Structures are given as structure tokens and as C-alpha cells.
């Protein structure tokens, strides 16, 4: 199935998210345990967050 412009654009967004997460991962060793906990909490509360979007893709609501 050929990719449409919209799916290619969305996939580019995912690439941008992955690049951002790589930057975050690279910087993690410089954080204290408390800062890591704070960042994790902040990311979890982000709306929408990666996990929620992924769940919506895997389990679309009917109707």
C-alpha cells in the first residue's frame, strides 16, 4: 500500500520525537536521582503523552 503525504508527515513527527528522546537519554547521566524522578513525572503527566497516543493507535475507539 503506497504511503500518503499525511502518513509520511506523521512518520516524520515520530522521527522528531525519537530525536528528542535521544537527546534526553544522552543527558540523563547528568541528572540526580531526584531530577530523574521529576522528569519522569513530568513526562508521564504530559498530555497527550507518547504512551496514550500509541494506545489510541493500537486500540481505536469504535463508533
PDB file of N, CA and C in Angstrom:
ATOM      1  N   UNK A   1       0.857  -1.166   0.000  1.00  0.00           N
ATOM      2  CA  UNK A   1       0.000   0.000   0.000  1.00  0.00           C
ATOM      3  C   UNK A   1       0.910   1.238   0.000  1.00  0.00           C
ATOM      4  N   UNK A   2       0.696   2.146  -0.948  1.00  0.00           N
ATOM      5  CA  UNK A   2       1.533   3.347  -1.016  1.00  0.00           C
ATOM      6  C   UNK A   2       1.246   4.296   0.147  1.00  0.00           C
ATOM      7  N   UNK A   3       2.281   4.981   0.597  1.00  0.00           N
ATOM      8  CA  UNK A   3       2.145   5.930   1.707  1.00  0.00           C
ATOM      9  C   UNK A   3       1.606   7.258   1.178  1.00  0.00           C
ATOM     10  N   UNK A   4       0.665   7.815   1.910  1.00  0.00           N
ATOM     11  CA  UNK A   4       0.132   9.121   1.543  1.00  0.00           C
ATOM     12  C   UNK A   4       1.006  10.207   2.150  1.00  0.00           C
ATOM     13  N   UNK A   5       0.816  11.431   1.709  1.00  0.00           N
ATOM     14  CA  UNK A   5       1.558  12.551   2.267  1.00  0.00           C
ATOM     15  C   UNK A   5       1.316  12.704   3.750  1.00  0.00           C
ATOM     16  N   UNK A   6       0.104  12.421   4.177  1.00  0.00           N
ATOM     17  CA  UNK A   6      -0.230  12.580   5.599  1.00  0.00           C
ATOM     18  C   UNK A   6       0.515  11.576   6.478  1.00  0.00           C
ATOM     19  N   UNK A   7       0.587  10.310   6.058  1.00  0.00           N
ATOM     20  CA  UNK A   7       1.288   9.314   6.877  1.00  0.00           C
ATOM     21  C   UNK A   7       2.788   9.599   6.891  1.00  0.00           C
ATOM     22  N   UNK A   8       3.331  10.072   5.774  1.00  0.00           N
ATOM     23  CA  UNK A   8       4.751  10.429   5.736  1.00  0.00           C
ATOM     24  C   UNK A   8       5.021  11.587   6.698  1.00  0.00           C
ATOM     25  N   UNK A   9       4.148  12.569   6.726  1.00  0.00           N
ATOM     26  CA  UNK A   9       4.282  13.701   7.653  1.00  0.00           C
ATOM     27  C   UNK A   9       4.238  13.211   9.102  1.00  0.00           C
ATOM     28  N   UNK A  10       3.297  12.321   9.408  1.00  0.00           N
ATOM     29  CA  UNK A  10       3.180  11.780  10.765  1.00  0.00           C
ATOM     30  C   UNK A  10       4.431  10.986  11.144  1.00  0.00           C
ATOM     31  N   UNK A  11       4.955  10.221  10.215  1.00  0.00           N
ATOM     32  CA  UNK A  11       6.166   9.444  10.485  1.00  0.00           C
ATOM     33  C   UNK A  11       7.357  10.383  10.733  1.00  0.00           C
ATOM     34  N   UNK A  12       7.393  11.500  10.031  1.00  0.00           N
ATOM     35  CA  UNK A  12       8.444  12.490  10.291  1.00  0.00           C
ATOM     36  C   UNK A  12       8.310  13.069  11.694  1.00  0.00           C
ATOM     37  N   UNK A  13       7.084  13.263  12.155  1.00  0.00           N
ATOM     38  CA  UNK A  13       6.871  13.723  13.541  1.00  0.00           C
ATOM     39  C   UNK A  13       7.440  12.705  14.529  1.00  0.00           C
ATOM     40  N   UNK A  14       7.198  11.421  14.259  1.00  0.00           N
ATOM     41  CA  UNK A  14       7.729  10.369  15.131  1.00  0.00           C
ATOM     42  C   UNK A  14       9.257  10.411  15.137  1.00  0.00           C
ATOM     43  N   UNK A  15       9.854  10.642  13.969  1.00  0.00           N
ATOM     44  CA  UNK A  15      11.312  10.785  13.908  1.00  0.00           C
ATOM     45  C   UNK A  15      11.783  11.949  14.770  1.00  0.00           C
ATOM     46  N   UNK A  16      11.028  13.055  14.762  1.00  0.00           N
ATOM     47  CA  UNK A  16      11.370  14.212  15.599  1.00  0.00           C
ATOM     48  C   UNK A  16      11.276  13.858  17.085  1.00  0.00           C
ATOM     49  N   UNK A  17      10.235  13.111  17.446  1.00  0.00           N
ATOM     50  CA  UNK A  17      10.071  12.680  18.841  1.00  0.00           C
ATOM     51  C   UNK A  17      11.241  11.782  19.245  1.00  0.00           C
ATOM     52  N   UNK A  18      11.610  10.848  18.368  1.00  0.00           N
ATOM     53  CA  UNK A  18      12.720   9.941  18.667  1.00  0.00           C
ATOM     54  C   UNK A  18      14.024  10.717  18.845  1.00  0.00           C
ATOM     55  N   UNK A  19      14.243  11.734  18.013  1.00  0.00           N
ATOM     56  CA  UNK A  19      15.457  12.553  18.142  1.00  0.00           C
ATOM     57  C   UNK A  19      15.466  13.282  19.485  1.00  0.00           C
ATOM     58  N   UNK A  20      14.322  13.793  19.893  1.00  0.00           N
ATOM     59  CA  UNK A  20      14.215  14.474  21.186  1.00  0.00           C
ATOM     60  C   UNK A  20      14.487  13.501  22.324  1.00  0.00           C
ATOM     61  N   UNK A  21      13.921  12.300  22.239  1.00  0.00           N
ATOM     62  CA  UNK A  21      14.150  11.300  23.284  1.00  0.00           C
ATOM     63  C   UNK A  21      15.612  10.873  23.343  1.00  0.00           C
ATOM     64  N   UNK A  22      16.289  10.827  22.192  1.00  0.00           N
ATOM     65  CA  UNK A  22      17.727  10.520  22.197  1.00  0.00           C
ATOM     66  C   UNK A  22      18.498  11.611  22.932  1.00  0.00           C
ATOM     67  N   UNK A  23      18.126  12.874  22.712  1.00  0.00           N
ATOM     68  CA  UNK A  23      18.788  13.978  23.420  1.00  0.00           C
ATOM     69  C   UNK A  23      18.563  13.860  24.924  1.00  0.00           C
ATOM     70  N   UNK A  24      17.338  13.535  25.306  1.00  0.00           N
ATOM     71  CA  UNK A  24      17.025  13.376  26.732  1.00  0.00           C
ATOM     72  C   UNK A  24      17.841  12.223  27.312  1.00  0.00           C
ATOM     73  N   UNK A  25      17.850  11.091  26.621  1.00  0.00           N
ATOM     74  CA  UNK A  25      18.574   9.910  27.092  1.00  0.00           C
ATOM     75  C   UNK A  25      20.063  10.202  27.266  1.00  0.00           C
ATOM     76  N   UNK A  26      20.630  10.945  26.346  1.00  0.00           N
ATOM     77  CA  UNK A  26      22.041  11.294  26.421  1.00  0.00           C
ATOM     78  C   UNK A  26      22.350  12.141  27.647  1.00  0.00           C
ATOM     79  N   UNK A  27      21.403  12.970  28.050  1.00  0.00           N
ATOM     80  CA  UNK A  27      21.616  13.874  29.189  1.00  0.00           C
ATOM     81  C   UNK A  27      21.284  13.252  30.537  1.00  0.00           C
ATOM     82  N   UNK A  28      20.644  12.110  30.561  1.00  0.00           N
ATOM     83  CA  UNK A  28      20.214  11.508  31.826  1.00  0.00           C
ATOM     84  C   UNK A  28      21.340  11.286  32.838  1.00  0.00           C
ATOM     85  N   UNK A  29      22.528  10.876  32.406  1.00  0.00           N
ATOM     86  CA  UNK A  29      23.597  10.662  33.395  1.00  0.00           C
ATOM     87  C   UNK A  29      23.983  11.927  34.171  1.00  0.00           C
ATOM     88  N   UNK A  30      23.647  13.091  33.662  1.00  0.00           N
ATOM     89  CA  UNK A  30      23.997  14.340  34.350  1.00  0.00           C
ATOM     90  C   UNK A  30      22.977  14.715  35.421  1.00  0.00           C
ATOM     91  N   UNK A  31      21.851  14.016  35.466  1.00  0.00           N
ATOM     92  CA  UNK A  31      20.793  14.344  36.420  1.00  0.00           C
ATOM     93  C   UNK A  31      20.944  13.557  37.714  1.00  0.00           C
ATOM     94  N   UNK A  32      20.480  14.161  38.782  1.00  0.00           N
ATOM     95  CA  UNK A  32      20.419  13.442  40.057  1.00  0.00           C
ATOM     96  C   UNK A  32      19.222  12.495  40.023  1.00  0.00           C
ATOM     97  N   UNK A  33      19.166  11.575  40.968  1.00  0.00           N
ATOM     98  CA  UNK A  33      18.016  10.665  41.048  1.00  0.00           C
ATOM     99  C   UNK A  33      16.718  11.447  41.229  1.00  0.00           C
ATOM    100  N   UNK A  34      16.763  12.497  42.040  1.00  0.00           N
ATOM    101  CA  UNK A  34      15.571  13.326  42.255  1.00  0.00           C
ATOM    102  C   UNK A  34      15.146  14.028  40.961  1.00  0.00           C
ATOM    103  N   UNK A  35      16.096  14.516  40.195  1.00  0.00           N
ATOM    104  CA  UNK A  35      15.779  15.169  38.923  1.00  0.00           C
ATOM    105  C   UNK A  35      15.211  14.173  37.923  1.00  0.00           C
ATOM    106  N   UNK A  36      15.752  12.954  37.910  1.00  0.00           N
ATOM    107  CA  UNK A  36      15.220  11.912  37.024  1.00  0.00           C
ATOM    108  C   UNK A  36      13.775  11.605  37.382  1.00  0.00           C
ATOM    109  N   UNK A  37      13.504  11.506  38.667  1.00  0.00           N
ATOM    110  CA  UNK A  37      12.139  11.244  39.128  1.00  0.00           C
ATOM    111  C   UNK A  37      11.212  12.376  38.710  1.00  0.00           C
ATOM    112  N   UNK A  38      11.683  13.610  38.869  1.00  0.00           N
ATOM    113  CA  UNK A  38      10.890  14.786  38.491  1.00  0.00           C
ATOM    114  C   UNK A  38      10.615  14.793  36.985  1.00  0.00           C
ATOM    115  N   UNK A  39      11.624  14.479  36.181  1.00  0.00           N
ATOM    116  CA  UNK A  39      11.445  14.435  34.728  1.00  0.00           C
ATOM    117  C   UNK A  39      10.463  13.335  34.331  1.00  0.00           C
ATOM    118  N   UNK A  40      10.590  12.163  34.958  1.00  0.00           N
ATOM    119  CA  UNK A  40       9.682  11.052  34.657  1.00  0.00           C
ATOM    120  C   UNK A  40       8.236  11.440  34.960  1.00  0.00           C
ATOM    121  N   UNK A  41       8.037  12.086  36.098  1.00  0.00           N
ATOM    122  CA  UNK A  41       6.690  12.526  36.481  1.00  0.00           C
ATOM    123  C   UNK A  41       6.150  13.546  35.480  1.00  0.00           C
ATOM    124  N   UNK A  42       7.003  14.464  35.081  1.00  0.00           N
ATOM    125  CA  UNK A  42       6.612  15.498  34.121  1.00  0.00           C
ATOM    126  C   UNK A  42       6.224  14.871  32.783  1.00  0.00           C
ATOM    127  N   UNK A  43       7.028  13.907  32.322  1.00  0.00           N
ATOM    128  CA  UNK A  43       6.738  13.237  31.054  1.00  0.00           C
ATOM    129  C   UNK A  43       5.449  12.429  31.141  1.00  0.00           C
ATOM    130  N   UNK A  44       5.226  11.768  32.266  1.00  0.00           N
ATOM    131  CA  UNK A  44       4.019  10.953  32.449  1.00  0.00           C
ATOM    132  C   UNK A  44       2.760  11.822  32.423  1.00  0.00           C
ATOM    133  N   UNK A  45       2.854  13.031  32.983  1.00  0.00           N
ATOM    134  CA  UNK A  45       1.703  13.927  33.059  1.00  0.00           C
ATOM    135  C   UNK A  45       1.477  14.711  31.768  1.00  0.00           C
ATOM    136  N   UNK A  46       2.430  14.653  30.849  1.00  0.00           N
ATOM    137  CA  UNK A  46       2.297  15.354  29.583  1.00  0.00           C
ATOM    138  C   UNK A  46       1.026  14.897  28.876  1.00  0.00           C
ATOM    139  N   UNK A  47       0.306  15.832  28.304  1.00  0.00           N
ATOM    140  CA  UNK A  47      -0.952  15.471  27.648  1.00  0.00           C
ATOM    141  C   UNK A  47      -1.027  16.121  26.276  1.00  0.00           C
ATOM    142  N   UNK A  48      -1.067  15.302  25.234  1.00  0.00           N
ATOM    143  CA  UNK A  48      -1.019  13.848  25.272  1.00  0.00           C
ATOM    144  C   UNK A  48       0.422  13.382  25.456  1.00  0.00           C
ATOM    145  N   UNK A  49       0.579  12.178  25.938  1.00  0.00           N
ATOM    146  CA  UNK A  49       1.924  11.635  26.030  1.00  0.00           C
ATOM    147  C   UNK A  49       2.051  10.472  25.043  1.00  0.00           C
ATOM    148  N   UNK A  50       3.285  10.071  24.813  1.00  0.00           N
ATOM    149  CA  UNK A  50       3.579   9.058  23.802  1.00  0.00           C
ATOM    150  C   UNK A  50       2.774   7.783  24.025  1.00  0.00           C
ATOM    151  N   UNK A  51       2.716   7.331  25.268  1.00  0.00           N
ATOM    152  CA  UNK A  51       2.022   6.085  25.590  1.00  0.00           C
ATOM    153  C   UNK A  51       0.533   6.172  25.270  1.00  0.00           C
ATOM    154  N   UNK A  52      -0.107   7.285  25.626  1.00  0.00           N
ATOM    155  CA  UNK A  52      -1.544   7.442  25.356  1.00  0.00           C
ATOM    156  C   UNK A  52      -1.825   7.452  23.852  1.00  0.00           C
ATOM    157  N   UNK A  53      -0.986   8.131  23.089  1.00  0.00           N
ATOM    158  CA  UNK A  53      -1.180   8.176  21.639  1.00  0.00           C
ATOM    159  C   UNK A  53      -0.998   6.785  21.047  1.00  0.00           C
ATOM    160  N   UNK A  54       0.035   6.082  21.490  1.00  0.00           N
ATOM    161  CA  UNK A  54       0.290   4.733  20.999  1.00  0.00           C
ATOM    162  C   UNK A  54      -0.880   3.799  21.316  1.00  0.00           C
ATOM    163  N   UNK A  55      -1.410   3.880  22.528  1.00  0.00           N
ATOM    164  CA  UNK A  55      -2.571   3.053  22.894  1.00  0.00           C
ATOM    165  C   UNK A  55      -3.769   3.376  22.014  1.00  0.00           C
ATOM    166  N   UNK A  56      -3.961   4.648  21.695  1.00  0.00           N
ATOM    167  CA  UNK A  56      -5.061   5.042  20.816  1.00  0.00           C
ATOM    168  C   UNK A  56      -4.908   4.483  19.408  1.00  0.00           C
ATOM    169  N   UNK A  57      -3.680   4.366  18.944  1.00  0.00           N
ATOM    170  CA  UNK A  57      -3.436   3.789  17.622  1.00  0.00           C
ATOM    171  C   UNK A  57      -3.673   2.283  17.625  1.00  0.00           C
ATOM    172  N   UNK A  58      -3.275   1.631  18.695  1.00  0.00           N
ATOM    173  CA  UNK A  58      -3.399   0.183  18.775  1.00  0.00           C
ATOM    174  C   UNK A  58      -4.825  -0.273  19.105  1.00  0.00           C
ATOM    175  N   UNK A  59      -5.556   0.571  19.811  1.00  0.00           N
ATOM    176  CA  UNK A  59      -6.911   0.217  20.243  1.00  0.00           C
ATOM    177  C   UNK A  59      -7.869   1.376  19.957  1.00  0.00           C
ATOM    178  N   UNK A  60      -8.159   1.602  18.665  1.00  0.00           N
ATOM    179  CA  UNK A  60      -9.060   2.716  18.343  1.00  0.00           C
ATOM    180  C   UNK A  60     -10.461   2.492  18.888  1.00  0.00           C
ATOM    181  N   UNK A  61     -11.059   3.584  19.331  1.00  0.00           N
ATOM    182  CA  UNK A  61     -12.436   3.512  19.856  1.00  0.00           C
ATOM    183  C   UNK A  61     -13.399   3.299  18.703  1.00  0.00           C
ATOM    184  N   UNK A  62     -14.385   2.469  18.930  1.00  0.00           N
ATOM    185  CA  UNK A  62     -15.399   2.192  17.923  1.00  0.00           C
ATOM    186  C   UNK A  62     -16.548   3.182  18.073  1.00  0.00           C
ATOM    187  N   UNK A  63     -17.081   3.622  16.930  1.00  0.00           N
ATOM    188  CA  UNK A  63     -18.261   4.480  16.963  1.00  0.00           C
ATOM    189  C   UNK A  63     -17.895   5.845  17.184  1.00  0.00           C
TER     190      UNK A  63
END
